[in-house]
Amino acid sequence: MRRILAALVTIFFISPLSGQKSWSLEECIRYAVSNNLDLKQSAFNAEIADQKYKQEKWNMMPQIGASSEMYYYAGRYVDPLTNTIVTSPNYYNTYNLGATVNLFSGFMRQNMISYLKYRKDAAENSMLGSTDELAFSVMNSYFNVLFYKELLKITEDQKHLSEINLRKTEVLVNTGLKATTDLLEMKANLEKDELTCLQTENLLSGAWISLHKAMNLSADSTITLTYPVSQSPELPEGELNTGSLYESYSSWSPQIKSAEQEWKASRKNIAVSRGAFVPVLDAGASVYSSVTLNNGTDFSRQLRENEKQYAGLTLTVPLFSRRQNITNVKLAKIGYASATANLDAARQNLYFEVLTNVNDLKAAESEFAQARIQLDADTLSYRAAEKKYEQGMINVVDFYTVKNRMSLTYALVLKSELTAEVKRRIIDFYRGNRFWEK
């Protein structure tokens, strides 16, 4: 009993195995950020958005191209240079160098650049948000492993107590002080404790699997965890104000920033769609020349003599597009309304997320304080019940009722302590402390 109580009152320290590195919470998170497959996909999406944005800026530059064509003529044909009919086979070669640049397109290019800039920022914030979600997923799995490891110790100690009580009961039955039914009840409770240990082991295995998946560790790899020293002391009541925490966190929250950038992008997309109704003005210039290979004239001379230069403007006026432009504008407006709703929902979800975590922290701290008091009372009650049972003052059912209540209180102390530590770190994160980056 003293060993169990000491394990709960002191900081639960899981010593590393001999010759094996012990992983802290921060190290697990940093490893997961570097190796998680889902986060890598988010990074790829952000890079794709960045490349699209850069390309659209390059699209403002003139487009320059060169081309060359060669033709072989046989039979009767019109010589393209002399415009006469000839019958001898010949090779005809053309060269062209041209450039085009858009002068005006209803500011579609400028609006598209802004649109892709917002999309790029949204993708970057989404990746940062995915990083935060991964960090807290690793933290939850990490603390779940610690919880079930300590819970397994508690259940094993409870099973050990049942084994001791079984041996005591066997002696009492052999001396005629207890009935055989008491011995059967003791054996049944021991089997129940063994089942509880098995169930806890299975839960611990599941927690390890979740942690391995988040960190992208192979299933057969083994690591040792250390219980993190609390870096988030109990917060004063004034610092647990939901409104102030929400205002602080929402000002830099990646989820909110991503939703805001998507909202700005959807608004800019309306301007992009409206630009399709405006005439487009392009400027172009080219240099053209051609040669005939078998006419006996010098190659460079033919290039000079056959050279043609061109420069001009092209005006394209949209007259009828089967209502496609009108549909695009309406779709853009619907997208803007959807993005507005998504932004409002993100803000609402964030507020209730902060509210839930604040309430969970208050509840966990109060439960931990009360559970500690309850643990002391249940421990004393168990010791008294143990003596009463040995003296025949209570039956085995009443004895195990007291024992099971003490076991549940042990688990509640452990759960509320770890829950409070997780919630303190989340509240500290809302205030801008990304603890795994230190």
Protein backbone atom coordinates (compact mmCIF):
# COMPACT_ATOMS: atom_id res chain seq x y z
CA MET A 1 0.00 0.00 0.00
CA ARG A 2 2.81 2.40 0.81
CA ARG A 3 4.44 1.61 -2.51
CA ILE A 4 1.23 2.40 -4.40
CA LEU A 5 0.63 5.62 -2.50
CA ALA A 6 4.21 6.77 -3.00
CA ALA A 7 3.93 6.16 -6.73
CA LEU A 8 0.87 8.41 -6.92
CA VAL A 9 1.98 11.18 -4.56
CA THR A 10 5.42 11.60 -6.14
CA ILE A 11 6.02 12.46 -9.78
CA PHE A 12 5.67 9.32 -11.82
CA PHE A 13 9.10 8.69 -13.20
CA ILE A 14 9.64 5.95 -15.74
CA SER A 15 13.32 5.10 -15.66
CA PRO A 16 14.99 4.30 -18.99
CA LEU A 17 16.02 0.80 -19.84
CA SER A 18 19.70 0.05 -19.65
CA GLY A 19 21.46 1.25 -22.81
CA GLN A 20 18.23 2.70 -24.27
CA LYS A 21 17.50 6.35 -24.90
CA SER A 22 14.69 7.85 -22.88
CA TRP A 23 12.36 10.08 -24.92
CA SER A 24 10.85 13.25 -23.51
CA LEU A 25 7.51 14.62 -24.69
CA GLU A 26 9.20 17.41 -26.63
CA GLU A 27 11.53 14.96 -28.39
CA CYS A 28 8.61 12.76 -29.41
CA ILE A 29 6.76 15.75 -30.86
CA ARG A 30 9.79 17.03 -32.75
CA TYR A 31 10.45 13.57 -34.17
CA ALA A 32 6.81 13.28 -35.26
CA VAL A 33 6.91 16.71 -36.93
CA SER A 34 9.94 15.60 -38.95
CA ASN A 35 8.61 12.17 -39.92
CA ASN A 36 4.80 12.12 -39.88
CA LEU A 37 3.45 11.22 -43.32
CA ASP A 38 0.28 13.32 -43.12
CA LEU A 39 2.32 16.38 -42.20
CA LYS A 40 4.63 15.77 -45.15
CA GLN A 41 1.57 15.80 -47.41
CA SER A 42 0.54 19.17 -45.94
CA ALA A 43 4.03 20.48 -46.71
CA PHE A 44 3.69 19.30 -50.32
CA ASN A 45 0.34 21.10 -50.64
CA ALA A 46 1.90 24.31 -49.31
CA GLU A 47 4.78 24.01 -51.79
CA ILE A 48 2.35 23.45 -54.69
CA ALA A 49 0.42 26.59 -53.71
CA ASP A 50 3.68 28.56 -53.54
CA GLN A 51 4.76 27.40 -56.99
CA LYS A 52 1.39 28.37 -58.50
CA TYR A 53 1.66 31.83 -56.97
CA LYS A 54 5.20 32.33 -58.32
CA GLN A 55 4.21 31.10 -61.77
CA GLU A 56 1.30 33.54 -61.98
CA LYS A 57 3.69 36.42 -61.29
CA TRP A 58 5.93 35.17 -64.09
CA ASN A 59 2.89 35.12 -66.38
CA MET A 60 2.99 38.94 -66.36
CA MET A 61 6.23 38.79 -68.37
CA PRO A 62 6.27 38.72 -72.20
CA GLN A 63 6.20 35.35 -73.86
CA ILE A 64 9.08 34.85 -76.32
CA GLY A 65 9.39 31.93 -78.71
CA ALA A 66 11.37 30.80 -81.73
CA SER A 67 10.40 28.28 -84.37
CA SER A 68 11.74 26.76 -87.54
CA GLU A 69 10.04 24.66 -90.23
CA MET A 70 11.44 22.66 -93.11
CA TYR A 71 9.47 21.45 -96.13
CA TYR A 72 10.45 19.09 -98.93
CA TYR A 73 8.82 19.77 -102.26
CA ALA A 74 8.58 17.19 -105.09
CA GLY A 75 6.65 17.15 -108.34
CA ARG A 76 4.95 20.28 -109.62
CA TYR A 77 4.62 22.96 -106.94
CA VAL A 78 4.62 26.71 -106.57
CA ASP A 79 7.93 28.04 -105.30
CA PRO A 80 7.00 30.14 -102.25
CA LEU A 81 9.84 32.59 -102.93
CA THR A 82 9.44 33.21 -106.69
CA ASN A 83 5.75 32.30 -106.93
CA THR A 84 6.48 30.28 -110.05
CA ILE A 85 5.69 26.69 -110.95
CA VAL A 86 8.72 24.38 -110.74
CA THR A 87 9.21 20.64 -111.01
CA SER A 88 12.63 20.02 -109.44
CA PRO A 89 12.66 18.76 -105.84
CA ASN A 90 13.76 21.29 -103.24
CA TYR A 91 13.96 22.04 -99.51
CA TYR A 92 12.25 25.10 -98.11
CA ASN A 93 13.22 26.34 -94.61
CA THR A 94 11.54 29.05 -92.46
CA TYR A 95 12.64 30.80 -89.26
CA ASN A 96 10.52 32.83 -86.87
CA LEU A 97 11.24 34.76 -83.66
CA GLY A 98 8.26 36.34 -81.91
CA ALA A 99 7.10 37.85 -78.63
CA THR A 100 3.67 38.61 -77.16
CA VAL A 101 2.66 40.47 -74.05
CA ASN A 102 -0.70 41.12 -72.48
CA LEU A 103 -1.43 44.81 -72.08
CA PHE A 104 -4.86 44.66 -70.51
CA SER A 105 -7.24 41.88 -69.50
CA GLY A 106 -9.58 43.51 -67.03
CA PHE A 107 -6.97 43.15 -64.23
CA MET A 108 -7.54 39.39 -64.30
CA ARG A 109 -3.81 38.68 -64.01
CA GLN A 110 -3.36 41.05 -61.05
CA ASN A 111 -6.43 39.64 -59.31
CA MET A 112 -5.26 36.09 -59.97
CA ILE A 113 -1.89 36.87 -58.38
CA SER A 114 -3.66 38.17 -55.27
CA TYR A 115 -5.97 35.15 -55.27
CA LEU A 116 -3.06 32.69 -55.41
CA LYS A 117 -1.18 34.69 -52.77
CA TYR A 118 -4.10 34.21 -50.37
CA ARG A 119 -4.29 30.53 -51.25
CA LYS A 120 -0.56 30.16 -50.60
CA ASP A 121 -0.89 31.85 -47.19
CA ALA A 122 -3.88 29.65 -46.40
CA ALA A 123 -1.91 26.50 -47.28
CA GLU A 124 1.03 27.60 -45.12
CA ASN A 125 -1.26 28.29 -42.16
CA SER A 126 -3.02 25.00 -42.76
CA MET A 127 0.34 23.22 -42.59
CA LEU A 128 1.15 25.06 -39.35
CA GLY A 129 -2.26 24.06 -37.99
CA SER A 130 -1.59 20.45 -38.97
CA THR A 131 1.70 20.67 -37.08
CA ASP A 132 -0.12 21.87 -33.96
CA GLU A 133 -2.75 19.13 -34.29
CA LEU A 134 -0.01 16.53 -34.66
CA ALA A 135 1.81 17.90 -31.60
CA PHE A 136 -1.30 17.55 -29.43
CA SER A 137 -2.10 14.15 -30.91
CA VAL A 138 1.38 12.97 -29.90
CA MET A 139 0.95 14.58 -26.48
CA ASN A 140 -2.37 12.80 -25.90
CA SER A 141 -0.91 9.45 -26.98
CA TYR A 142 2.17 10.09 -24.85
CA PHE A 143 0.12 10.78 -21.73
CA ASN A 144 -2.16 7.84 -22.52
CA VAL A 145 0.88 5.57 -22.47
CA LEU A 146 1.97 7.02 -19.12
CA PHE A 147 -1.54 6.70 -17.73
CA TYR A 148 -2.00 3.05 -18.70
CA LYS A 149 1.53 2.16 -17.54
CA GLU A 150 0.79 3.56 -14.09
CA LEU A 151 -2.73 2.12 -14.12
CA LEU A 152 -1.24 -1.27 -14.89
CA LYS A 153 0.99 -0.93 -11.84
CA ILE A 154 -2.08 -0.14 -9.73
CA THR A 155 -4.07 -3.09 -11.07
CA GLU A 156 -1.12 -5.43 -10.55
CA ASP A 157 -0.78 -4.23 -6.96
CA GLN A 158 -4.50 -4.77 -6.45
CA LYS A 159 -4.14 -8.28 -7.83
CA HIS A 160 -1.23 -8.84 -5.44
CA LEU A 161 -3.43 -7.74 -2.54
CA SER A 162 -6.10 -10.19 -3.67
CA GLU A 163 -3.51 -12.98 -3.72
CA ILE A 164 -2.45 -12.12 -0.16
CA ASN A 165 -6.07 -12.00 1.00
CA LEU A 166 -6.74 -15.32 -0.72
CA ARG A 167 -3.90 -16.98 1.20
CA LYS A 168 -5.16 -15.46 4.47
CA THR A 169 -8.66 -16.72 3.75
CA GLU A 170 -7.36 -20.21 3.00
CA VAL A 171 -5.76 -20.27 6.44
CA LEU A 172 -8.97 -18.98 8.08
CA VAL A 173 -11.05 -21.59 6.22
CA ASN A 174 -8.69 -24.40 7.25
CA THR A 175 -8.95 -23.30 10.88
CA GLY A 176 -12.73 -23.08 10.66
CA LEU A 177 -12.91 -19.31 11.14
CA LYS A 178 -14.27 -18.65 7.64
CA ALA A 179 -16.75 -20.45 5.42
CA THR A 180 -15.77 -22.04 2.11
CA THR A 181 -18.01 -19.57 0.30
CA ASP A 182 -15.66 -16.79 1.41
CA LEU A 183 -12.77 -18.63 -0.20
CA LEU A 184 -14.71 -18.99 -3.46
CA GLU A 185 -15.56 -15.30 -3.40
CA MET A 186 -11.88 -14.48 -2.90
CA LYS A 187 -10.91 -16.63 -5.88
CA ALA A 188 -13.59 -14.97 -8.03
CA ASN A 189 -12.29 -11.51 -7.13
CA LEU A 190 -8.73 -12.58 -7.89
CA GLU A 191 -9.85 -13.72 -11.34
CA LYS A 192 -11.56 -10.37 -11.80
CA ASP A 193 -8.34 -8.54 -10.90
CA GLU A 194 -6.42 -10.67 -13.39
CA LEU A 195 -8.96 -9.75 -16.08
CA THR A 196 -8.57 -6.07 -15.20
CA CYS A 197 -4.80 -6.39 -15.58
CA LEU A 198 -5.23 -8.03 -18.98
CA GLN A 199 -7.63 -5.30 -20.15
CA THR A 200 -5.22 -2.59 -18.97
CA GLU A 201 -2.35 -4.26 -20.84
CA ASN A 202 -4.45 -4.21 -24.01
CA LEU A 203 -5.25 -0.53 -23.53
CA LEU A 204 -1.55 0.18 -23.01
CA SER A 205 -0.74 -1.66 -26.24
CA GLY A 206 -3.30 0.45 -28.10
CA ALA A 207 -1.80 3.66 -26.69
CA TRP A 208 1.66 2.57 -27.84
CA ILE A 209 0.31 1.87 -31.34
CA SER A 210 -1.23 5.35 -31.54
CA LEU A 211 2.05 6.94 -30.47
CA HIS A 212 4.06 4.88 -32.96
CA LYS A 213 1.70 5.85 -35.78
CA ALA A 214 1.85 9.57 -34.98
CA MET A 215 5.65 9.46 -34.81
CA ASN A 216 5.94 7.20 -37.89
CA LEU A 217 7.89 4.60 -35.92
CA SER A 218 8.01 0.98 -37.02
CA ALA A 219 5.66 -1.30 -35.12
CA ASP A 220 8.49 -3.42 -33.71
CA SER A 221 10.55 -0.48 -32.42
CA THR A 222 10.65 0.13 -28.69
CA ILE A 223 11.22 3.42 -26.89
CA THR A 224 11.19 4.46 -23.27
CA LEU A 225 9.28 7.52 -22.10
CA THR A 226 10.04 9.86 -19.24
CA TYR A 227 7.32 11.57 -17.28
CA PRO A 228 7.59 15.25 -18.29
CA VAL A 229 8.35 17.69 -15.52
CA SER A 230 5.44 20.10 -15.32
CA GLN A 231 6.36 23.36 -17.02
CA SER A 232 2.89 24.79 -16.53
CA PRO A 233 2.18 25.53 -12.87
CA GLU A 234 -1.35 25.96 -11.66
CA LEU A 235 -2.77 29.05 -13.30
CA PRO A 236 -4.47 31.79 -11.31
CA GLU A 237 -8.22 32.08 -11.78
CA GLY A 238 -7.79 35.38 -13.64
CA GLU A 239 -5.68 33.73 -16.33
CA LEU A 240 -8.39 31.16 -17.05
CA ASN A 241 -10.78 33.69 -18.55
CA THR A 242 -12.23 32.17 -21.71
CA GLY A 243 -12.76 35.51 -23.45
CA SER A 244 -9.20 36.76 -22.98
CA LEU A 245 -7.70 33.40 -23.93
CA TYR A 246 -9.83 33.29 -27.07
CA GLU A 247 -8.80 36.82 -28.08
CA SER A 248 -5.15 35.96 -27.52
CA TYR A 249 -5.24 32.67 -29.40
CA SER A 250 -7.50 33.75 -32.26
CA SER A 251 -5.08 36.57 -33.15
CA TRP A 252 -2.50 34.00 -34.33
CA SER A 253 -4.38 30.71 -34.55
CA PRO A 254 -3.34 28.88 -37.77
CA GLN A 255 -6.89 27.55 -38.20
CA ILE A 256 -8.37 31.05 -38.08
CA LYS A 257 -5.61 32.51 -40.27
CA SER A 258 -6.12 29.79 -42.86
CA ALA A 259 -9.89 30.37 -42.90
CA GLU A 260 -9.35 34.13 -43.22
CA GLN A 261 -6.99 33.68 -46.16
CA GLU A 262 -9.43 31.34 -47.87
CA TRP A 263 -12.15 33.94 -47.30
CA LYS A 264 -9.99 36.67 -48.90
CA ALA A 265 -9.15 34.37 -51.79
CA SER A 266 -12.81 33.62 -52.45
CA ARG A 267 -13.60 37.33 -52.47
CA LYS A 268 -10.78 37.99 -54.93
CA ASN A 269 -12.03 35.13 -57.10
CA ILE A 270 -15.18 37.15 -57.78
CA ALA A 271 -13.02 39.90 -59.29
CA VAL A 272 -11.15 37.32 -61.36
CA SER A 273 -14.43 35.94 -62.76
CA ARG A 274 -15.77 39.40 -63.58
CA GLY A 275 -12.63 40.17 -65.57
CA ALA A 276 -13.78 37.70 -68.23
CA PHE A 277 -16.41 40.27 -69.38
CA VAL A 278 -13.70 42.83 -70.29
CA PRO A 279 -11.94 42.98 -73.71
CA VAL A 280 -8.36 41.69 -73.78
CA LEU A 281 -5.58 43.70 -75.47
CA ASP A 282 -2.33 41.96 -76.45
CA ALA A 283 0.77 43.27 -78.22
CA GLY A 284 2.95 41.14 -80.42
CA ALA A 285 6.03 41.36 -82.62
CA SER A 286 7.94 38.87 -84.75
CA VAL A 287 10.80 38.52 -87.19
CA TYR A 288 10.38 36.01 -90.06
CA SER A 289 12.63 34.75 -92.82
CA SER A 290 12.94 31.77 -95.16
CA VAL A 291 15.44 30.11 -97.45
CA THR A 292 15.42 27.63 -100.35
CA LEU A 293 18.38 25.29 -100.10
CA ASN A 294 18.86 24.37 -103.78
CA ASN A 295 18.51 27.71 -105.55
CA GLY A 296 22.23 28.51 -105.56
CA THR A 297 21.87 31.70 -103.45
CA ASP A 298 23.95 32.27 -100.30
CA PHE A 299 22.16 31.18 -97.11
CA SER A 300 22.76 34.39 -95.15
CA ARG A 301 21.81 36.53 -98.14
CA GLN A 302 18.49 34.73 -98.45
CA LEU A 303 17.85 35.32 -94.75
CA ARG A 304 18.40 39.05 -95.19
CA GLU A 305 16.44 39.40 -98.39
CA ASN A 306 13.46 37.30 -97.23
CA GLU A 307 13.25 38.85 -93.78
CA LYS A 308 9.82 40.14 -92.72
CA GLN A 309 9.06 42.04 -89.52
CA TYR A 310 5.73 42.32 -87.76
CA ALA A 311 4.38 44.32 -84.84
CA GLY A 312 0.77 44.82 -83.89
CA LEU A 313 -2.01 44.82 -81.34
CA THR A 314 -4.74 42.25 -80.87
CA LEU A 315 -8.04 43.16 -79.30
CA THR A 316 -10.31 40.29 -78.25
CA VAL A 317 -13.87 41.21 -77.29
CA PRO A 318 -16.00 38.57 -75.51
CA LEU A 319 -19.41 38.51 -77.22
CA PHE A 320 -20.99 35.20 -76.36
CA SER A 321 -19.62 32.38 -74.19
CA ARG A 322 -22.81 30.34 -73.75
CA ARG A 323 -23.37 32.05 -70.37
CA GLN A 324 -20.16 30.55 -68.96
CA ASN A 325 -18.85 33.87 -67.64
CA ILE A 326 -22.12 34.61 -65.82
CA THR A 327 -22.08 31.13 -64.28
CA ASN A 328 -18.47 31.58 -63.15
CA VAL A 329 -19.33 34.82 -61.35
CA LYS A 330 -22.29 33.22 -59.62
CA LEU A 331 -20.16 30.25 -58.57
CA ALA A 332 -17.52 32.63 -57.23
CA LYS A 333 -20.16 34.43 -55.15
CA ILE A 334 -21.40 31.12 -53.77
CA GLY A 335 -17.81 30.21 -52.91
CA TYR A 336 -17.43 33.53 -51.10
CA ALA A 337 -20.58 32.90 -49.07
CA SER A 338 -19.32 29.41 -48.23
CA ALA A 339 -15.93 30.76 -47.14
CA THR A 340 -17.68 33.34 -44.95
CA ALA A 341 -19.67 30.60 -43.26
CA ASN A 342 -16.52 28.50 -42.82
CA LEU A 343 -14.72 31.43 -41.20
CA ASP A 344 -17.61 32.05 -38.80
CA ALA A 345 -17.72 28.33 -37.98
CA ALA A 346 -13.95 28.27 -37.38
CA ARG A 347 -14.21 31.16 -34.95
CA GLN A 348 -17.14 29.55 -33.16
CA ASN A 349 -15.41 26.17 -32.94
CA LEU A 350 -12.27 27.81 -31.62
CA TYR A 351 -14.19 29.65 -28.92
CA PHE A 352 -15.91 26.49 -27.71
CA GLU A 353 -12.61 24.59 -27.91
CA VAL A 354 -11.05 27.16 -25.56
CA LEU A 355 -14.11 27.09 -23.31
CA THR A 356 -14.07 23.27 -23.13
CA ASN A 357 -10.38 23.11 -22.27
CA VAL A 358 -10.70 25.78 -19.59
CA ASN A 359 -13.61 23.92 -18.00
CA ASP A 360 -11.76 20.60 -18.29
CA LEU A 361 -8.73 22.08 -16.52
CA LYS A 362 -10.83 23.47 -13.67
CA ALA A 363 -12.65 20.14 -13.35
CA ALA A 364 -9.43 18.10 -13.42
CA GLU A 365 -7.76 20.26 -10.77
CA SER A 366 -10.75 20.11 -8.45
CA GLU A 367 -11.14 16.36 -9.02
CA PHE A 368 -7.46 15.79 -8.28
CA ALA A 369 -7.63 17.73 -5.01
CA GLN A 370 -10.77 15.90 -3.91
CA ALA A 371 -9.51 12.52 -5.11
CA ARG A 372 -6.35 12.90 -3.01
CA ILE A 373 -8.50 13.46 0.06
CA GLN A 374 -10.74 10.57 -0.94
CA LEU A 375 -7.69 8.34 -1.45
CA ASP A 376 -6.52 8.94 2.10
CA ALA A 377 -10.00 8.15 3.42
CA ASP A 378 -10.38 5.03 1.28
CA THR A 379 -6.94 3.78 2.31
CA LEU A 380 -7.83 4.08 6.00
CA SER A 381 -11.21 2.49 5.30
CA TYR A 382 -9.54 -0.45 3.56
CA ARG A 383 -7.14 -1.06 6.43
CA ALA A 384 -10.03 -1.02 8.88
CA ALA A 385 -12.10 -3.35 6.67
CA GLU A 386 -9.15 -5.72 6.37
CA LYS A 387 -8.96 -6.06 10.15
CA LYS A 388 -12.72 -6.40 10.49
CA TYR A 389 -12.76 -9.14 7.86
CA GLU A 390 -10.02 -11.08 9.62
CA GLN A 391 -12.02 -10.78 12.85
CA GLY A 392 -15.22 -11.91 11.14
CA MET A 393 -17.02 -8.57 11.64
CA ILE A 394 -17.81 -8.10 7.92
CA ASN A 395 -18.32 -10.51 5.05
CA VAL A 396 -16.16 -10.87 1.98
CA VAL A 397 -18.56 -8.88 -0.25
CA ASP A 398 -18.37 -5.84 2.01
CA PHE A 399 -14.60 -6.22 2.21
CA TYR A 400 -14.19 -6.23 -1.56
CA THR A 401 -16.56 -3.29 -1.91
CA VAL A 402 -14.13 -1.23 0.15
CA LYS A 403 -11.11 -2.60 -1.73
CA ASN A 404 -12.60 -1.89 -5.15
CA ARG A 405 -13.55 1.63 -4.12
CA MET A 406 -9.96 2.28 -3.09
CA SER A 407 -8.73 0.95 -6.45
CA LEU A 408 -11.08 3.23 -8.37
CA THR A 409 -9.91 6.20 -6.32
CA TYR A 410 -6.28 5.38 -7.18
CA ALA A 411 -7.20 5.44 -10.87
CA LEU A 412 -9.12 8.72 -10.47
CA VAL A 413 -6.13 10.38 -8.78
CA LEU A 414 -3.88 9.29 -11.61
CA LYS A 415 -6.31 10.29 -14.37
CA SER A 416 -7.14 13.71 -12.92
CA GLU A 417 -3.45 14.52 -12.35
CA LEU A 418 -2.45 13.67 -15.92
CA THR A 419 -5.54 15.37 -17.38
CA ALA A 420 -4.73 18.56 -15.48
CA GLU A 421 -1.17 18.50 -16.80
CA VAL A 422 -2.36 18.07 -20.41
CA LYS A 423 -4.91 20.88 -20.08
CA ARG A 424 -2.35 23.23 -18.49
CA ARG A 425 -0.09 22.73 -21.49
CA ILE A 426 -2.98 23.42 -23.87
CA ILE A 427 -3.91 26.63 -22.03
CA ASP A 428 -0.27 27.68 -22.05
CA PHE A 429 -0.23 27.00 -25.81
CA TYR A 430 -3.21 29.34 -26.25
CA ARG A 431 -1.05 32.07 -24.75
CA GLY A 432 1.57 31.54 -27.46
CA ASN A 433 3.91 28.97 -25.87
CA ARG A 434 4.72 26.30 -28.46
CA PHE A 435 6.56 24.28 -25.82
CA TRP A 436 7.95 21.60 -28.16
CA GLU A 437 9.94 24.21 -30.14
CA LYS A 438 12.10 25.26 -27.19
